[in-house]
Amino acid sequence: MAQGSVKFRPPPLTKVGITVKGGFYAEMQWFLVGLDIEAKARTMEGQIRGALGDTLMLCVLSFSLNGSAAEDHTGHNLATVDFRVFAQAKGIAALMPNKFLMPMMDLIMCAYLGGTVRGPLGWLVRTRSGDKGSNANVRFWVRHEDEYE
């Protein structure tokens, strides 16, 4: 060692990191709202897999629900769950917009499953009420026989 030079030793907790090219990834998130979130997520996954078609060029295609919806929510935020679609590929071609993003975006126009809401009984059952002096009456009916029960 030359005179005046200082020898440095690594500290005892030094770690080594190795970085490699991991390929390309893309993700899309949907917001599912209301009741039956798990069933909606399964349906969405099936629709997305069908829309994407051949996914052999993908190394990873995963679906996850992040969060949970309150059973009897008091507002839109409490009824919303994040549904994440994540894909990874060795080459960028499999994740180009026409192969990944657009097929999923097309589903919004035909079957986005975020809008199941509770509603008034009157959406299914028709009613009429009236009073006869000191008495009141109410009548309920449905339009179709299969709605009766």
Protein backbone atom coordinates (compact mmCIF):
# COMPACT_ATOMS: atom_id res chain seq x y z
CA MET A 1 0.00 0.00 0.00
CA ALA A 2 1.37 3.40 -0.94
CA GLN A 3 2.22 5.78 1.80
CA GLY A 4 -0.70 8.05 2.64
CA SER A 5 -3.39 5.87 1.07
CA VAL A 6 -6.30 4.72 3.21
CA LYS A 7 -7.63 1.18 3.13
CA PHE A 8 -11.44 0.97 3.30
CA ARG A 9 -13.20 -2.11 4.52
CA PRO A 10 -16.87 -2.72 3.80
CA PRO A 11 -19.12 -2.44 6.82
CA PRO A 12 -20.43 -5.75 8.18
CA LEU A 13 -23.96 -5.17 6.82
CA THR A 14 -23.04 -4.53 3.17
CA LYS A 15 -25.38 -6.27 0.75
CA VAL A 16 -25.11 -6.93 -2.96
CA GLY A 17 -27.91 -6.15 -5.41
CA ILE A 18 -28.16 -7.65 -8.88
CA THR A 19 -30.41 -6.03 -11.46
CA VAL A 20 -31.58 -7.77 -14.62
CA LYS A 21 -34.01 -6.87 -17.35
CA GLY A 22 -37.35 -8.22 -16.22
CA GLY A 23 -39.33 -7.70 -19.37
CA PHE A 24 -42.37 -5.49 -19.79
CA TYR A 25 -45.50 -5.16 -17.70
CA ALA A 26 -48.89 -3.51 -17.90
CA GLU A 27 -51.86 -3.27 -15.61
CA MET A 28 -55.42 -2.09 -15.63
CA GLN A 29 -57.71 -1.45 -12.71
CA TRP A 30 -61.46 -1.67 -12.57
CA PHE A 31 -63.69 -0.53 -9.73
CA LEU A 32 -66.39 -3.01 -8.77
CA VAL A 33 -69.28 -1.59 -6.77
CA GLY A 34 -72.09 -2.96 -4.66
CA LEU A 35 -73.11 -6.48 -3.79
CA ASP A 36 -71.54 -9.80 -4.85
CA ILE A 37 -68.06 -8.37 -5.46
CA GLU A 38 -66.36 -11.80 -5.60
CA ALA A 39 -68.85 -13.06 -8.19
CA LYS A 40 -68.37 -9.88 -10.24
CA ALA A 41 -64.59 -10.34 -10.09
CA ARG A 42 -64.89 -13.95 -11.33
CA THR A 43 -67.14 -12.83 -14.17
CA MET A 44 -64.78 -10.00 -15.11
CA GLU A 45 -61.80 -12.35 -15.09
CA GLY A 46 -63.60 -14.72 -17.45
CA GLN A 47 -64.60 -11.89 -19.77
CA ILE A 48 -61.08 -10.44 -19.78
CA ARG A 49 -59.46 -13.82 -20.46
CA GLY A 50 -61.88 -14.29 -23.35
CA ALA A 51 -61.22 -10.79 -24.70
CA LEU A 52 -57.44 -11.20 -24.52
CA GLY A 53 -57.57 -14.52 -26.34
CA ASP A 54 -54.25 -16.33 -26.67
CA THR A 55 -52.11 -15.31 -23.68
CA LEU A 56 -49.19 -17.67 -24.36
CA MET A 57 -46.89 -14.68 -24.94
CA LEU A 58 -47.52 -13.50 -21.38
CA CYS A 59 -45.26 -14.67 -18.55
CA VAL A 60 -47.76 -13.51 -15.92
CA LEU A 61 -51.48 -12.72 -16.05
CA SER A 62 -52.95 -12.19 -12.60
CA PHE A 63 -56.19 -10.84 -11.17
CA SER A 64 -56.62 -9.50 -7.65
CA LEU A 65 -59.23 -7.82 -5.49
CA ASN A 66 -57.83 -5.09 -3.26
CA GLY A 67 -60.02 -4.03 -0.37
CA SER A 68 -63.53 -5.06 0.55
CA ALA A 69 -67.01 -3.61 0.33
CA ALA A 70 -69.15 -3.05 3.38
CA GLU A 71 -72.14 -5.40 3.48
CA ASP A 72 -74.64 -2.62 3.98
CA HIS A 73 -72.72 0.41 2.77
CA THR A 74 -73.62 3.99 3.50
CA GLY A 75 -71.88 5.50 0.50
CA HIS A 76 -70.25 4.84 -2.85
CA ASN A 77 -66.67 4.75 -1.50
CA LEU A 78 -67.51 2.07 1.05
CA ALA A 79 -69.09 -0.07 -1.65
CA THR A 80 -66.15 0.10 -4.08
CA VAL A 81 -63.37 -2.49 -4.45
CA ASP A 82 -60.31 -2.25 -6.71
CA PHE A 83 -59.98 -5.11 -9.23
CA ARG A 84 -56.45 -5.24 -10.64
CA VAL A 85 -55.33 -6.98 -13.83
CA PHE A 86 -51.54 -7.38 -14.08
CA ALA A 87 -49.61 -8.78 -17.04
CA GLN A 88 -45.94 -9.30 -17.72
CA ALA A 89 -44.23 -10.37 -20.96
CA LYS A 90 -40.68 -10.81 -22.23
CA GLY A 91 -41.44 -8.73 -25.31
CA ILE A 92 -43.41 -5.53 -25.68
CA ALA A 93 -45.57 -6.83 -28.56
CA ALA A 94 -47.86 -8.82 -26.23
CA LEU A 95 -48.66 -5.70 -24.20
CA MET A 96 -49.27 -3.21 -26.98
CA PRO A 97 -52.58 -1.34 -26.62
CA ASN A 98 -54.31 -3.37 -29.33
CA LYS A 99 -53.36 -6.63 -27.58
CA PHE A 100 -53.89 -5.71 -23.91
CA LEU A 101 -55.62 -2.40 -23.21
CA MET A 102 -58.18 -2.18 -26.02
CA PRO A 103 -59.72 -5.66 -25.60
CA MET A 104 -60.39 -4.83 -21.94
CA MET A 105 -61.64 -1.32 -22.69
CA ASP A 106 -64.19 -2.79 -25.09
CA LEU A 107 -65.76 -4.66 -22.17
CA ILE A 108 -66.80 -1.38 -20.57
CA MET A 109 -69.33 -0.84 -23.32
CA CYS A 110 -70.93 -4.26 -23.01
CA ALA A 111 -70.71 -5.58 -19.47
CA TYR A 112 -69.06 -3.43 -16.83
CA LEU A 113 -70.08 -5.03 -13.55
CA GLY A 114 -69.82 -2.09 -11.21
CA GLY A 115 -73.40 -0.95 -11.08
CA THR A 116 -75.40 -3.42 -9.00
CA VAL A 117 -77.32 -1.31 -6.52
CA ARG A 118 -80.12 -1.81 -4.10
CA GLY A 119 -83.28 -0.14 -5.19
CA PRO A 120 -86.80 0.56 -4.10
CA LEU A 121 -89.28 -2.29 -4.15
CA GLY A 122 -91.21 -0.27 -6.73
CA TRP A 123 -88.60 -1.11 -9.39
CA LEU A 124 -90.06 -4.64 -9.42
CA VAL A 125 -93.44 -4.36 -7.73
CA ARG A 126 -96.13 -1.87 -8.64
CA THR A 127 -98.26 -0.37 -5.90
CA ARG A 128 -101.33 1.69 -5.32
CA SER A 129 -102.60 3.06 -2.08
CA GLY A 130 -105.74 4.87 -1.09
CA ASP A 131 -107.80 5.84 1.88
CA LYS A 132 -111.46 5.29 2.57
CA GLY A 133 -112.36 7.56 5.42
CA SER A 134 -110.51 6.26 8.45
CA ASN A 135 -109.20 3.17 6.60
CA ALA A 136 -106.17 2.92 4.30
CA ASN A 137 -105.40 0.24 1.78
CA VAL A 138 -102.46 -0.70 -0.39
CA ARG A 139 -102.29 -2.96 -3.41
CA PHE A 140 -99.14 -4.67 -4.81
CA TRP A 141 -98.75 -6.36 -8.18
CA VAL A 142 -96.03 -7.50 -10.55
CA ARG A 143 -96.02 -7.35 -14.32
CA HIS A 144 -94.88 -10.93 -14.94
CA GLU A 145 -95.82 -14.20 -13.26
CA ASP A 146 -92.18 -15.20 -12.58
CA GLU A 147 -91.73 -12.03 -10.47
CA TYR A 148 -94.52 -12.95 -8.06
CA GLU A 149 -92.54 -15.00 -5.53
